[in-house]
Structures are given as C-alpha cells and as structure tokens.
Amino acid sequence: MTQPADTPSGAGQMPVLFILTGLSGSGKSTALEAFEDAGYFCVDNLPVKLLPLLLNTQMMGERSAEGLTCVMDVREKEFLSAYPEVFARLRQEGFSFHILFFEAREPVLIQRYSQTRRQHPLAIGKGLVDSIRMEREQLEPLRRIADRVIDTSALNVHDLKALVRQIADRGRRTASMRITVMSFGFKYGLPLHADLVLDVRFLPNPYFVPELKPFDGRHPDVRAYVFQDPRCRELIERYGRLVAELIPLYEKEGKSYLTLAVGCTGGKHRSVAVAESFAREFQK
C-alpha cells in the first residue's frame, strides 16, 4: 500500500485498513472475529472521528498486527453525518482503506433479532421493521461507495468467517486484484457473493455416465469427458480473455476482489472441472 506523500522513508508503513459497516444484525461482529483470528488489530464501534488518530498511532509505533479492522455503524450517533468528511480527509492524506458493507434480507434480519432478543439501535419509539428499513435507507449512500457488499442472508457463521478470512488474508498480502474461482450447483441457488456467474450446463454431463457419476470434476476421467467437447476449451479461452480485460477496469474503480462462480446442475462434475481449469489459467 502507498504511503502519504509527506511521510519520510522508514518512518512507518501505512497499516492495511478494513472498515466494516452495514446493517445491524448482518454479521459484522462475526466478521470482526474472523479478522481478529487472521491477526488484525480490531476495534468494534469505533467513533469515526477517532479513526485518523488510530491510524497515525499505528503508523508511528511498531506494528505487531497484520493490519487494522474497525467496525463503524449507526450505533454511533454522529457516524452518518461525520463519515463522509473523515473518509475524504483520509484519502486526501494518502491513506488507503477498504469498506466492506454487510447486509441481509429483511426477513432474515427479523429472525435474527427474534433469536438474539437484542434491541435495534434505531428502535427507540419505532418497531423493528421500521427501524430496519430506516437504517437501510440511511446507509444507502455508504453502500454505494463500498468496495464490497456482502449479503449474509444465506451464510451461516462458519461460511461467513471463511469468506471474511479469505478477504483478510488477501488484504495483508497486497492491495491488487485477487480472484476467487468457485463451483456451485444451480439446484441449490446462486452464490450471493459471486461477482461473475458462468453457466456450463450446456456441456456433456458425466452424471449420466455410471462409471463417472461417483467422482467429481477433479477426477482425470471426468475432466476428460467434459473437455472432449471442443466448446469447453473455447469457453475457457474466451471467458478467460474477458476476465483479463475486466480486471484493470475493476481495479480502476477500486475493486480489490473478484469472485467467479461456475455453475452446473449439481455443482459436482462440469462446474468443478471448468472451475479448476480457470484457476490454473489465472494462476499463470
């Protein structure tokens, strides 16, 4: 990551900074735990006006942590009015940070609140549904400038921690684009955190070949069966070129992560074989 222009050489490196924000009940606390497990220095409910002080403190001292992660949201009364000025000031001073916005569908948030029996931070004089809708409306401007929006509606605690841990690991290595290739089955639904979705259900299906059905797309015989169709290799080459052309455009807009989801019916044979091939191509 870059240093502020007026920072002397050797005076200290800028810490890797993630700002976690979004809807109450969307999983920010769970995400913060994942960052802490990854070695980050973590602060929950940090007043946004204290962020510059915290950053400068980290720069001047010896950094024992991998970076900083701060949760900031509507629990702080001044957050909504103060964050635009603070974020703009930090960028003017040369600081770089990633905003992760967490959200979930309204029925999911209602269910989570009923399970935890906690009060919504905006619930004073309002019902839960009205509070959720008000918060979503108030945070929409911040959602639009976020580097990544994470919908946790279909994620359990372990899935969310695994996803966040990947983000944390990439963030401490480099600020350049990182690509995740995954496979999935359409019959289970679309992965909510995918940026690009590729449907390969037009390829020959090993599921209907008795001797191949027990194996997945990593098996050499399954892969050979899928790739016997010349359209498969053509797909890899064309789509690979498309992604290569998109990456600098995404980076220009400040995007640091790209998740490519390859799907077939069950997510076991065709999608796995194609996803593995894409992963090898991107690693080159």
C-alpha atoms as a PDB file:
ATOM      1  CA  MET A   1       0.000   0.000   0.000  1.00  0.00           C
ATOM      2  CA  THR A   2       1.181   3.549  -0.644  1.00  0.00           C
ATOM      3  CA  GLN A   3       2.469   5.952   1.954  1.00  0.00           C
ATOM      4  CA  PRO A   4       1.342   9.563   2.434  1.00  0.00           C
ATOM      5  CA  ALA A   5       3.484  11.915   0.365  1.00  0.00           C
ATOM      6  CA  ASP A   6       4.838  13.693   3.453  1.00  0.00           C
ATOM      7  CA  THR A   7       5.816  10.504   5.294  1.00  0.00           C
ATOM      8  CA  PRO A   8       9.617  10.177   5.469  1.00  0.00           C
ATOM      9  CA  SER A   9      11.141   6.972   4.208  1.00  0.00           C
ATOM     10  CA  GLY A  10      11.385   4.453   7.040  1.00  0.00           C
ATOM     11  CA  ALA A  11       9.056   6.464   9.302  1.00  0.00           C
ATOM     12  CA  GLY A  12       6.473   3.713   9.217  1.00  0.00           C
ATOM     13  CA  GLN A  13       4.266   1.935   6.754  1.00  0.00           C
ATOM     14  CA  MET A  14       0.576   2.519   6.371  1.00  0.00           C
ATOM     15  CA  PRO A  15      -1.415  -0.242   8.037  1.00  0.00           C
ATOM     16  CA  VAL A  16      -3.811  -2.342   5.992  1.00  0.00           C
ATOM     17  CA  LEU A  17      -7.227  -0.992   6.962  1.00  0.00           C
ATOM     18  CA  PHE A  18     -10.663  -2.560   6.598  1.00  0.00           C
ATOM     19  CA  ILE A  19     -13.784  -0.681   7.630  1.00  0.00           C
ATOM     20  CA  LEU A  20     -16.723  -2.959   8.394  1.00  0.00           C
ATOM     21  CA  THR A  21     -20.132  -1.339   8.248  1.00  0.00           C
ATOM     22  CA  GLY A  22     -23.686  -2.086   7.196  1.00  0.00           C
ATOM     23  CA  LEU A  23     -26.985  -3.175   8.663  1.00  0.00           C
ATOM     24  CA  SER A  24     -27.389  -4.131  12.296  1.00  0.00           C
ATOM     25  CA  GLY A  25     -27.686  -7.903  12.608  1.00  0.00           C
ATOM     26  CA  SER A  26     -25.921  -8.571   9.296  1.00  0.00           C
ATOM     27  CA  GLY A  27     -22.872 -10.291  10.802  1.00  0.00           C
ATOM     28  CA  LYS A  28     -20.326  -7.529  11.383  1.00  0.00           C
ATOM     29  CA  SER A  29     -19.336  -8.899  14.797  1.00  0.00           C
ATOM     30  CA  THR A  30     -18.744 -12.344  13.312  1.00  0.00           C
ATOM     31  CA  ALA A  31     -16.676 -10.788  10.531  1.00  0.00           C
ATOM     32  CA  LEU A  32     -14.634  -8.851  13.064  1.00  0.00           C
ATOM     33  CA  GLU A  33     -13.851 -12.085  14.906  1.00  0.00           C
ATOM     34  CA  ALA A  34     -12.564 -13.571  11.644  1.00  0.00           C
ATOM     35  CA  PHE A  35     -10.263 -10.585  11.116  1.00  0.00           C
ATOM     36  CA  GLU A  36      -9.008 -10.918  14.675  1.00  0.00           C
ATOM     37  CA  ASP A  37      -8.283 -14.608  14.082  1.00  0.00           C
ATOM     38  CA  ALA A  38      -6.298 -13.566  10.996  1.00  0.00           C
ATOM     39  CA  GLY A  39      -4.023 -11.369  13.123  1.00  0.00           C
ATOM     40  CA  TYR A  40      -5.588  -7.955  12.631  1.00  0.00           C
ATOM     41  CA  PHE A  41      -5.904  -5.349  15.373  1.00  0.00           C
ATOM     42  CA  CYS A  42      -9.675  -4.970  15.718  1.00  0.00           C
ATOM     43  CA  VAL A  43     -11.879  -2.243  17.182  1.00  0.00           C
ATOM     44  CA  ASP A  44     -15.657  -2.509  17.467  1.00  0.00           C
ATOM     45  CA  ASN A  45     -17.961   0.528  17.436  1.00  0.00           C
ATOM     46  CA  LEU A  46     -15.100   2.970  16.882  1.00  0.00           C
ATOM     47  CA  PRO A  47     -16.224   6.634  16.749  1.00  0.00           C
ATOM     48  CA  VAL A  48     -15.433   7.622  13.186  1.00  0.00           C
ATOM     49  CA  LYS A  49     -13.700  10.866  14.200  1.00  0.00           C
ATOM     50  CA  LEU A  50     -11.130   8.818  16.146  1.00  0.00           C
ATOM     51  CA  LEU A  51     -10.105   6.824  13.055  1.00  0.00           C
ATOM     52  CA  PRO A  52      -7.384   9.296  11.898  1.00  0.00           C
ATOM     53  CA  LEU A  53      -5.883   9.275  15.391  1.00  0.00           C
ATOM     54  CA  LEU A  54      -5.848   5.483  15.483  1.00  0.00           C
ATOM     55  CA  LEU A  55      -4.214   5.271  12.064  1.00  0.00           C
ATOM     56  CA  ASN A  56      -1.480   7.749  12.943  1.00  0.00           C
ATOM     57  CA  THR A  57      -0.847   5.934  16.207  1.00  0.00           C
ATOM     58  CA  GLN A  58      -0.377   2.670  14.312  1.00  0.00           C
ATOM     59  CA  MET A  59       1.977   4.310  11.808  1.00  0.00           C
ATOM     60  CA  MET A  60       4.223   5.846  14.448  1.00  0.00           C
ATOM     61  CA  GLY A  61       4.548   2.690  16.534  1.00  0.00           C
ATOM     62  CA  GLU A  62       5.787  -0.760  15.676  1.00  0.00           C
ATOM     63  CA  ARG A  63       3.045  -2.793  14.012  1.00  0.00           C
ATOM     64  CA  SER A  64       2.721  -6.212  15.521  1.00  0.00           C
ATOM     65  CA  ALA A  65      -0.628  -6.862  13.827  1.00  0.00           C
ATOM     66  CA  GLU A  66      -1.303  -7.655  10.184  1.00  0.00           C
ATOM     67  CA  GLY A  67      -3.421  -4.529   9.878  1.00  0.00           C
ATOM     68  CA  LEU A  68      -6.429  -2.709  11.296  1.00  0.00           C
ATOM     69  CA  THR A  69     -10.108  -3.582  11.157  1.00  0.00           C
ATOM     70  CA  CYS A  70     -12.748  -1.238  12.552  1.00  0.00           C
ATOM     71  CA  VAL A  71     -16.493  -1.653  12.827  1.00  0.00           C
ATOM     72  CA  MET A  72     -18.378   1.626  12.449  1.00  0.00           C
ATOM     73  CA  ASP A  73     -22.124   1.944  12.101  1.00  0.00           C
ATOM     74  CA  VAL A  74     -25.281   3.705  13.294  1.00  0.00           C
ATOM     75  CA  ARG A  75     -24.670   2.747  16.923  1.00  0.00           C
ATOM     76  CA  GLU A  76     -22.593   5.940  16.967  1.00  0.00           C
ATOM     77  CA  LYS A  77     -24.981   8.869  16.690  1.00  0.00           C
ATOM     78  CA  GLU A  78     -22.549  11.044  14.729  1.00  0.00           C
ATOM     79  CA  PHE A  79     -21.452   8.342  12.292  1.00  0.00           C
ATOM     80  CA  LEU A  80     -23.819   9.167   9.423  1.00  0.00           C
ATOM     81  CA  SER A  81     -23.041  12.863   9.479  1.00  0.00           C
ATOM     82  CA  ALA A  82     -19.297  12.541  10.106  1.00  0.00           C
ATOM     83  CA  TYR A  83     -18.032   9.661   7.950  1.00  0.00           C
ATOM     84  CA  PRO A  84     -18.039  11.494   4.553  1.00  0.00           C
ATOM     85  CA  GLU A  85     -15.686  14.202   5.821  1.00  0.00           C
ATOM     86  CA  VAL A  86     -13.437  11.779   7.711  1.00  0.00           C
ATOM     87  CA  PHE A  87     -13.108   9.343   4.796  1.00  0.00           C
ATOM     88  CA  ALA A  88     -12.400  12.185   2.348  1.00  0.00           C
ATOM     89  CA  ARG A  89      -9.767  13.614   4.656  1.00  0.00           C
ATOM     90  CA  LEU A  90      -8.010  10.273   4.997  1.00  0.00           C
ATOM     91  CA  ARG A  91      -7.872   9.799   1.239  1.00  0.00           C
ATOM     92  CA  GLN A  92      -6.503  13.319   0.782  1.00  0.00           C
ATOM     93  CA  GLU A  93      -3.745  12.457   3.249  1.00  0.00           C
ATOM     94  CA  GLY A  94      -2.852   9.344   1.236  1.00  0.00           C
ATOM     95  CA  PHE A  95      -4.437   6.679   3.384  1.00  0.00           C
ATOM     96  CA  SER A  96      -5.964   3.690   1.628  1.00  0.00           C
ATOM     97  CA  PHE A  97      -8.764   1.601   3.096  1.00  0.00           C
ATOM     98  CA  HIS A  98     -11.363  -0.966   2.066  1.00  0.00           C
ATOM     99  CA  ILE A  99     -15.022  -0.576   3.007  1.00  0.00           C
ATOM    100  CA  LEU A 100     -16.924  -3.843   3.472  1.00  0.00           C
ATOM    101  CA  PHE A 101     -20.689  -3.344   3.675  1.00  0.00           C
ATOM    102  CA  PHE A 102     -22.680  -6.154   5.289  1.00  0.00           C
ATOM    103  CA  GLU A 103     -26.390  -6.618   4.702  1.00  0.00           C
ATOM    104  CA  ALA A 104     -29.132  -9.251   4.784  1.00  0.00           C
ATOM    105  CA  ARG A 105     -32.709  -9.573   3.624  1.00  0.00           C
ATOM    106  CA  GLU A 106     -35.379  -8.117   5.879  1.00  0.00           C
ATOM    107  CA  PRO A 107     -36.988 -11.447   6.924  1.00  0.00           C
ATOM    108  CA  VAL A 108     -33.551 -12.782   7.868  1.00  0.00           C
ATOM    109  CA  LEU A 109     -32.765  -9.729   9.995  1.00  0.00           C
ATOM    110  CA  ILE A 110     -36.136 -10.017  11.747  1.00  0.00           C
ATOM    111  CA  GLN A 111     -35.478 -13.681  12.513  1.00  0.00           C
ATOM    112  CA  ARG A 112     -32.004 -12.928  13.867  1.00  0.00           C
ATOM    113  CA  TYR A 113     -33.346 -10.243  16.176  1.00  0.00           C
ATOM    114  CA  SER A 114     -36.053 -12.590  17.434  1.00  0.00           C
ATOM    115  CA  GLN A 115     -33.387 -15.177  18.240  1.00  0.00           C
ATOM    116  CA  THR A 116     -30.963 -12.817  19.996  1.00  0.00           C
ATOM    117  CA  ARG A 117     -33.704 -10.653  21.566  1.00  0.00           C
ATOM    118  CA  ARG A 118     -31.469  -7.622  21.177  1.00  0.00           C
ATOM    119  CA  GLN A 119     -32.853  -4.164  20.501  1.00  0.00           C
ATOM    120  CA  HIS A 120     -32.190  -2.481  17.175  1.00  0.00           C
ATOM    121  CA  PRO A 121     -30.040   0.672  17.634  1.00  0.00           C
ATOM    122  CA  LEU A 122     -32.708   2.776  15.894  1.00  0.00           C
ATOM    123  CA  ALA A 123     -35.646   1.149  17.663  1.00  0.00           C
ATOM    124  CA  ILE A 124     -36.368   3.988  20.111  1.00  0.00           C
ATOM    125  CA  GLY A 125     -40.019   4.832  19.511  1.00  0.00           C
ATOM    126  CA  LYS A 126     -40.184   2.567  16.439  1.00  0.00           C
ATOM    127  CA  GLY A 127     -40.948  -1.053  15.676  1.00  0.00           C
ATOM    128  CA  LEU A 128     -38.278  -3.459  14.466  1.00  0.00           C
ATOM    129  CA  VAL A 129     -39.371  -3.470  10.818  1.00  0.00           C
ATOM    130  CA  ASP A 130     -39.471   0.321  10.629  1.00  0.00           C
ATOM    131  CA  SER A 131     -36.046   0.509  12.273  1.00  0.00           C
ATOM    132  CA  ILE A 132     -34.518  -1.937   9.778  1.00  0.00           C
ATOM    133  CA  ARG A 133     -35.960  -0.039   6.835  1.00  0.00           C
ATOM    134  CA  MET A 134     -34.818   3.318   8.191  1.00  0.00           C
ATOM    135  CA  GLU A 135     -31.294   2.032   8.731  1.00  0.00           C
ATOM    136  CA  ARG A 136     -31.146   0.568   5.217  1.00  0.00           C
ATOM    137  CA  GLU A 137     -32.248   3.906   3.767  1.00  0.00           C
ATOM    138  CA  GLN A 138     -29.782   5.917   5.839  1.00  0.00           C
ATOM    139  CA  LEU A 139     -26.856   3.667   4.916  1.00  0.00           C
ATOM    140  CA  GLU A 140     -27.588   3.509   1.174  1.00  0.00           C
ATOM    141  CA  PRO A 141     -25.063   6.286   0.289  1.00  0.00           C
ATOM    142  CA  LEU A 142     -22.355   4.372   2.160  1.00  0.00           C
ATOM    143  CA  ARG A 143     -23.375   1.128   0.474  1.00  0.00           C
ATOM    144  CA  ARG A 144     -22.854   2.746  -2.931  1.00  0.00           C
ATOM    145  CA  ILE A 145     -19.228   3.660  -2.204  1.00  0.00           C
ATOM    146  CA  ALA A 146     -18.322   0.355  -0.507  1.00  0.00           C
ATOM    147  CA  ASP A 147     -15.552  -1.737  -2.054  1.00  0.00           C
ATOM    148  CA  ARG A 148     -17.595  -4.875  -1.473  1.00  0.00           C
ATOM    149  CA  VAL A 149     -21.166  -5.591  -0.438  1.00  0.00           C
ATOM    150  CA  ILE A 150     -21.631  -8.908   1.381  1.00  0.00           C
ATOM    151  CA  ASP A 151     -25.131 -10.339   1.697  1.00  0.00           C
ATOM    152  CA  THR A 152     -25.097 -12.741   4.637  1.00  0.00           C
ATOM    153  CA  SER A 153     -28.705 -13.936   4.267  1.00  0.00           C
ATOM    154  CA  ALA A 154     -27.734 -17.455   3.190  1.00  0.00           C
ATOM    155  CA  LEU A 155     -24.465 -17.712   5.131  1.00  0.00           C
ATOM    156  CA  ASN A 156     -24.086 -19.460   8.459  1.00  0.00           C
ATOM    157  CA  VAL A 157     -21.431 -18.376  10.963  1.00  0.00           C
ATOM    158  CA  HIS A 158     -18.813 -20.752   9.558  1.00  0.00           C
ATOM    159  CA  ASP A 159     -19.445 -19.736   5.942  1.00  0.00           C
ATOM    160  CA  LEU A 160     -19.200 -16.050   6.808  1.00  0.00           C
ATOM    161  CA  LYS A 161     -15.992 -16.496   8.769  1.00  0.00           C
ATOM    162  CA  ALA A 162     -14.437 -18.484   5.912  1.00  0.00           C
ATOM    163  CA  LEU A 163     -15.360 -15.797   3.390  1.00  0.00           C
ATOM    164  CA  VAL A 164     -14.062 -12.986   5.587  1.00  0.00           C
ATOM    165  CA  ARG A 165     -10.870 -14.895   6.375  1.00  0.00           C
ATOM    166  CA  GLN A 166     -10.150 -15.071   2.631  1.00  0.00           C
ATOM    167  CA  ILE A 167     -10.597 -11.310   2.388  1.00  0.00           C
ATOM    168  CA  ALA A 168      -8.353 -10.749   5.397  1.00  0.00           C
ATOM    169  CA  ASP A 169      -5.605 -12.986   4.021  1.00  0.00           C
ATOM    170  CA  ARG A 170      -5.627 -11.229   0.655  1.00  0.00           C
ATOM    171  CA  GLY A 171      -5.690  -7.781   2.175  1.00  0.00           C
ATOM    172  CA  ARG A 172      -2.476  -8.253   4.123  1.00  0.00           C
ATOM    173  CA  ARG A 173      -0.590  -9.588   1.108  1.00  0.00           C
ATOM    174  CA  THR A 174      -1.383  -6.980  -1.497  1.00  0.00           C
ATOM    175  CA  ALA A 175      -3.915  -4.379  -2.488  1.00  0.00           C
ATOM    176  CA  SER A 176      -4.065  -5.622  -6.091  1.00  0.00           C
ATOM    177  CA  MET A 177      -6.947  -7.601  -7.542  1.00  0.00           C
ATOM    178  CA  ARG A 178      -7.455 -11.076  -6.111  1.00  0.00           C
ATOM    179  CA  ILE A 179      -9.600 -13.641  -7.900  1.00  0.00           C
ATOM    180  CA  THR A 180     -11.560 -16.474  -6.304  1.00  0.00           C
ATOM    181  CA  VAL A 181     -12.920 -19.224  -8.559  1.00  0.00           C
ATOM    182  CA  MET A 182     -15.673 -21.391  -7.118  1.00  0.00           C
ATOM    183  CA  SER A 183     -18.103 -24.031  -8.357  1.00  0.00           C
ATOM    184  CA  PHE A 184     -21.754 -24.374  -7.388  1.00  0.00           C
ATOM    185  CA  GLY A 185     -24.971 -26.176  -8.272  1.00  0.00           C
ATOM    186  CA  PHE A 186     -27.877 -24.211  -9.717  1.00  0.00           C
ATOM    187  CA  LYS A 187     -30.335 -26.507  -7.946  1.00  0.00           C
ATOM    188  CA  TYR A 188     -29.053 -25.085  -4.646  1.00  0.00           C
ATOM    189  CA  GLY A 189     -29.334 -21.461  -5.749  1.00  0.00           C
ATOM    190  CA  LEU A 190     -26.920 -18.764  -6.867  1.00  0.00           C
ATOM    191  CA  PRO A 191     -23.992 -17.881  -4.546  1.00  0.00           C
ATOM    192  CA  LEU A 192     -24.820 -14.429  -3.202  1.00  0.00           C
ATOM    193  CA  HIS A 193     -21.216 -13.225  -3.004  1.00  0.00           C
ATOM    194  CA  ALA A 194     -20.360 -14.021  -6.651  1.00  0.00           C
ATOM    195  CA  ASP A 195     -19.362 -11.120  -8.911  1.00  0.00           C
ATOM    196  CA  LEU A 196     -19.467 -13.096 -12.169  1.00  0.00           C
ATOM    197  CA  VAL A 197     -21.559 -16.214 -12.823  1.00  0.00           C
ATOM    198  CA  LEU A 198     -20.843 -18.676 -15.638  1.00  0.00           C
ATOM    199  CA  ASP A 199     -23.402 -21.348 -16.587  1.00  0.00           C
ATOM    200  CA  VAL A 200     -21.817 -24.517 -18.034  1.00  0.00           C
ATOM    201  CA  ARG A 201     -24.934 -26.701 -18.091  1.00  0.00           C
ATOM    202  CA  PHE A 202     -24.667 -26.937 -21.888  1.00  0.00           C
ATOM    203  CA  LEU A 203     -21.597 -29.197 -21.598  1.00  0.00           C
ATOM    204  CA  PRO A 204     -21.886 -33.035 -21.582  1.00  0.00           C
ATOM    205  CA  ASN A 205     -22.888 -34.246 -18.118  1.00  0.00           C
ATOM    206  CA  PRO A 206     -20.820 -37.048 -16.518  1.00  0.00           C
ATOM    207  CA  TYR A 207     -23.657 -37.590 -14.045  1.00  0.00           C
ATOM    208  CA  PHE A 208     -25.376 -39.795 -16.619  1.00  0.00           C
ATOM    209  CA  VAL A 209     -22.293 -41.970 -17.147  1.00  0.00           C
ATOM    210  CA  PRO A 210     -22.420 -44.721 -14.469  1.00  0.00           C
ATOM    211  CA  GLU A 211     -18.659 -45.167 -14.176  1.00  0.00           C
ATOM    212  CA  LEU A 212     -18.114 -41.373 -13.810  1.00  0.00           C
ATOM    213  CA  LYS A 213     -21.062 -40.432 -11.600  1.00  0.00           C
ATOM    214  CA  PRO A 214     -19.331 -41.239  -8.256  1.00  0.00           C
ATOM    215  CA  PHE A 215     -16.406 -38.880  -8.967  1.00  0.00           C
ATOM    216  CA  ASP A 216     -16.221 -35.095  -9.119  1.00  0.00           C
ATOM    217  CA  GLY A 217     -14.698 -32.757 -11.686  1.00  0.00           C
ATOM    218  CA  ARG A 218     -11.183 -33.131 -10.291  1.00  0.00           C
ATOM    219  CA  HIS A 219     -11.004 -36.756 -11.436  1.00  0.00           C
ATOM    220  CA  PRO A 220      -8.988 -37.120 -14.685  1.00  0.00           C
ATOM    221  CA  ASP A 221     -11.664 -39.227 -16.390  1.00  0.00           C
ATOM    222  CA  VAL A 222     -14.424 -36.764 -15.515  1.00  0.00           C
ATOM    223  CA  ARG A 223     -12.339 -33.856 -16.722  1.00  0.00           C
ATOM    224  CA  ALA A 224     -11.516 -35.666 -19.978  1.00  0.00           C
ATOM    225  CA  TYR A 225     -15.211 -36.388 -20.546  1.00  0.00           C
ATOM    226  CA  VAL A 226     -16.150 -32.738 -20.031  1.00  0.00           C
ATOM    227  CA  PHE A 227     -13.308 -31.375 -22.146  1.00  0.00           C
ATOM    228  CA  GLN A 228     -13.969 -33.742 -25.037  1.00  0.00           C
ATOM    229  CA  ASP A 229     -16.494 -31.153 -26.136  1.00  0.00           C
ATOM    230  CA  PRO A 230     -14.490 -28.551 -28.136  1.00  0.00           C
ATOM    231  CA  ARG A 231     -16.815 -25.851 -26.836  1.00  0.00           C
ATOM    232  CA  CYS A 232     -15.327 -26.326 -23.371  1.00  0.00           C
ATOM    233  CA  ARG A 233     -11.802 -25.293 -24.342  1.00  0.00           C
ATOM    234  CA  GLU A 234     -13.213 -22.446 -26.421  1.00  0.00           C
ATOM    235  CA  LEU A 235     -15.217 -21.308 -23.392  1.00  0.00           C
ATOM    236  CA  ILE A 236     -12.114 -21.291 -21.180  1.00  0.00           C
ATOM    237  CA  GLU A 237     -10.124 -19.233 -23.675  1.00  0.00           C
ATOM    238  CA  ARG A 238     -12.853 -16.699 -24.468  1.00  0.00           C
ATOM    239  CA  TYR A 239     -14.066 -16.181 -20.932  1.00  0.00           C
ATOM    240  CA  GLY A 240     -10.500 -16.019 -19.658  1.00  0.00           C
ATOM    241  CA  ARG A 241      -9.777 -13.178 -22.081  1.00  0.00           C
ATOM    242  CA  LEU A 242     -12.933 -11.404 -20.959  1.00  0.00           C
ATOM    243  CA  VAL A 243     -11.954 -11.592 -17.288  1.00  0.00           C
ATOM    244  CA  ALA A 244      -8.427 -10.400 -18.129  1.00  0.00           C
ATOM    245  CA  GLU A 245      -9.926  -7.357 -19.858  1.00  0.00           C
ATOM    246  CA  LEU A 246     -12.288  -6.655 -16.963  1.00  0.00           C
ATOM    247  CA  ILE A 247      -9.681  -6.812 -14.199  1.00  0.00           C
ATOM    248  CA  PRO A 248      -7.979  -3.442 -14.900  1.00  0.00           C
ATOM    249  CA  LEU A 249     -11.398  -1.814 -15.263  1.00  0.00           C
ATOM    250  CA  TYR A 250     -12.490  -3.176 -11.868  1.00  0.00           C
ATOM    251  CA  GLU A 251      -9.178  -2.111 -10.304  1.00  0.00           C
ATOM    252  CA  LYS A 252      -9.623   1.388 -11.704  1.00  0.00           C
ATOM    253  CA  GLU A 253     -12.923   1.608  -9.827  1.00  0.00           C
ATOM    254  CA  GLY A 254     -11.211   0.498  -6.600  1.00  0.00           C
ATOM    255  CA  LYS A 255     -12.402  -3.116  -6.578  1.00  0.00           C
ATOM    256  CA  SER A 256      -9.923  -5.453  -4.878  1.00  0.00           C
ATOM    257  CA  TYR A 257     -11.751  -8.799  -5.021  1.00  0.00           C
ATOM    258  CA  LEU A 258     -13.388 -10.729  -7.821  1.00  0.00           C
ATOM    259  CA  THR A 259     -15.322 -13.954  -7.323  1.00  0.00           C
ATOM    260  CA  LEU A 260     -16.068 -16.048 -10.405  1.00  0.00           C
ATOM    261  CA  ALA A 261     -18.739 -18.700  -9.804  1.00  0.00           C
ATOM    262  CA  VAL A 262     -19.013 -21.565 -12.301  1.00  0.00           C
ATOM    263  CA  GLY A 263     -22.290 -23.449 -12.096  1.00  0.00           C
ATOM    264  CA  CYS A 264     -23.813 -26.664 -13.379  1.00  0.00           C
ATOM    265  CA  THR A 265     -26.891 -28.526 -12.195  1.00  0.00           C
ATOM    266  CA  GLY A 266     -25.483 -30.250  -9.118  1.00  0.00           C
ATOM    267  CA  GLY A 267     -22.147 -28.478  -8.727  1.00  0.00           C
ATOM    268  CA  LYS A 268     -20.130 -31.699  -8.763  1.00  0.00           C
ATOM    269  CA  HIS A 269     -18.900 -32.552 -12.253  1.00  0.00           C
ATOM    270  CA  ARG A 270     -18.897 -29.946 -15.037  1.00  0.00           C
ATOM    271  CA  SER A 271     -18.634 -26.841 -12.885  1.00  0.00           C
ATOM    272  CA  VAL A 272     -15.780 -28.316 -10.847  1.00  0.00           C
ATOM    273  CA  ALA A 273     -13.800 -29.328 -13.937  1.00  0.00           C
ATOM    274  CA  VAL A 274     -14.210 -25.911 -15.545  1.00  0.00           C
ATOM    275  CA  ALA A 275     -13.522 -24.012 -12.297  1.00  0.00           C
ATOM    276  CA  GLU A 276     -10.312 -25.981 -11.766  1.00  0.00           C
ATOM    277  CA  SER A 277      -9.227 -25.155 -15.318  1.00  0.00           C
ATOM    278  CA  PHE A 278      -9.957 -21.452 -14.823  1.00  0.00           C
ATOM    279  CA  ALA A 279      -7.990 -21.460 -11.578  1.00  0.00           C
ATOM    280  CA  ARG A 280      -4.950 -22.942 -13.300  1.00  0.00           C
ATOM    281  CA  GLU A 281      -5.184 -20.397 -16.124  1.00  0.00           C
ATOM    282  CA  PHE A 282      -5.468 -17.454 -13.749  1.00  0.00           C
ATOM    283  CA  GLN A 283      -2.517 -18.685 -11.676  1.00  0.00           C
ATOM    284  CA  LYS A 284      -0.330 -18.493 -14.788  1.00  0.00           C
END
